Amino acid sequence: MEEEPHGRISVNKYQPTELKVKEEEDHGDFSYQRPGGSPNSHSDSGKTSSESGESDRELPKSDRPHNCSLCRKGFSQLGHLKLHNKTHTGEKRYGCIQCGKSFARSDYLKKHAKIHSVEKPYKCSVCCKVFARSDILTIHTRVHTSERVQRPTKEKLYPCSQCGKRFSQLGNLKSHESAVHAGKKPFNCPECGKGFSHFGNMQKHQRVHTGEKPYMCPDCGTGFSRSHHLKTHQQIHKGEKPHLCTECGKGFARADSLTAHQRVHRLDNKPYGCSDCGKAFSSFGNLTQHQRIHTGEKPYQCSQCERSFAFSTDLKNHQRRHTGMKPYYCSDCGRSFTTASSLKSHQKIHKL
């Protein structure tokens, strides 16, 4: 990046995109990184959100008088608390100019922007996915040709003295012994402090905070943080429902959907009762969500129009009106819809 006269900044086509952050019209918040400098972030506290969060965690509770009314987390400064509250309200003021994705905190945006910072000149002719290296593209194309990737097998010379499992590298054996048998979790998430036995697992977990979803569905464009989440999602488009209920025979695309459905057959397994209407629920989380009907609480706010919702799923469905995304397709006529309920209502036309 080069400094031009009159303070203008020219950005190279492949300059890291944390230098190019969309400024919000309503608030004027922006964040960027100058070469060799520290983050220049305008937030409520005057610090970057990552700095404020890390410094607060190191302080004793007596020095954190500002508590969140929802999760009781404490902060040393009111500005830090206001910044934290965005995680509950759903407010996302920091937008990526590359893909339009928004984030609640500037440091989340910076981590996400690294996705776009690498030049990817190699494009798949089948699904248009792009890659930074030609060899990665070659491996990817085997997904479409059903050609299996052949990797040389390594001899596993290092057996575990506890369970007998063998490893090809001594370092992998030591990691296994400390994680599985010793219960050690040396890798802690800098955002929430959760511990992990492997560094790779911690990196995957951090996508919860950054919002990074590198696995895209080729049918509807929905992104996922884990590859197996994408595979499970794709069963919806294929119409596959491999998980069958043993009580009524109903099929489901996902195992967790089957588990939730099976509670219908176990009516006595609902220990959480609503004090307002008496309705019972199988989990405390479901009860908490239900009680918003009585309290009128709507913690999920749309960053585009500031409309609020009681449930996160309602917010996601609403946001598709702004993005124009319609992931639910009618198999009879090809018409698309923003919600599954709209698709079901439409499909009744074909059954007449």
Foldseek 3Di string as FASTA:
>chain_A
DDQDPPRDDDDDPLAQQLQPWDQFPVPRWHWHDDVPDDIDGDFQVRDFLLVQQLVQVVDDPVQFPDADPPPRDTGNDPRNNVLVLCVQQVAFRIARPVPGDTHSGSVLVSVQSNVRNADFPAADPPLRDTHNDPVVSVQVCCVVVVDDDDDDDADFDAAAPPPGDTHRDPVVNVLCCCVPVVVDFPDAASRPGDGHSDPVVSVLVCCVRSVDFPDAASQFGDGHSDPVVNVLVVCVVVVDFPDADPPPGDGHSDPVVNVQVVVVVVVVQFPAADPPPGDTHNDPVVNVLVCCVVVVDFSYADNPPRDTHSDPVVNQLVCCVVVVGFRAADPPPGDTHSDPVVNVVVVVVVVD
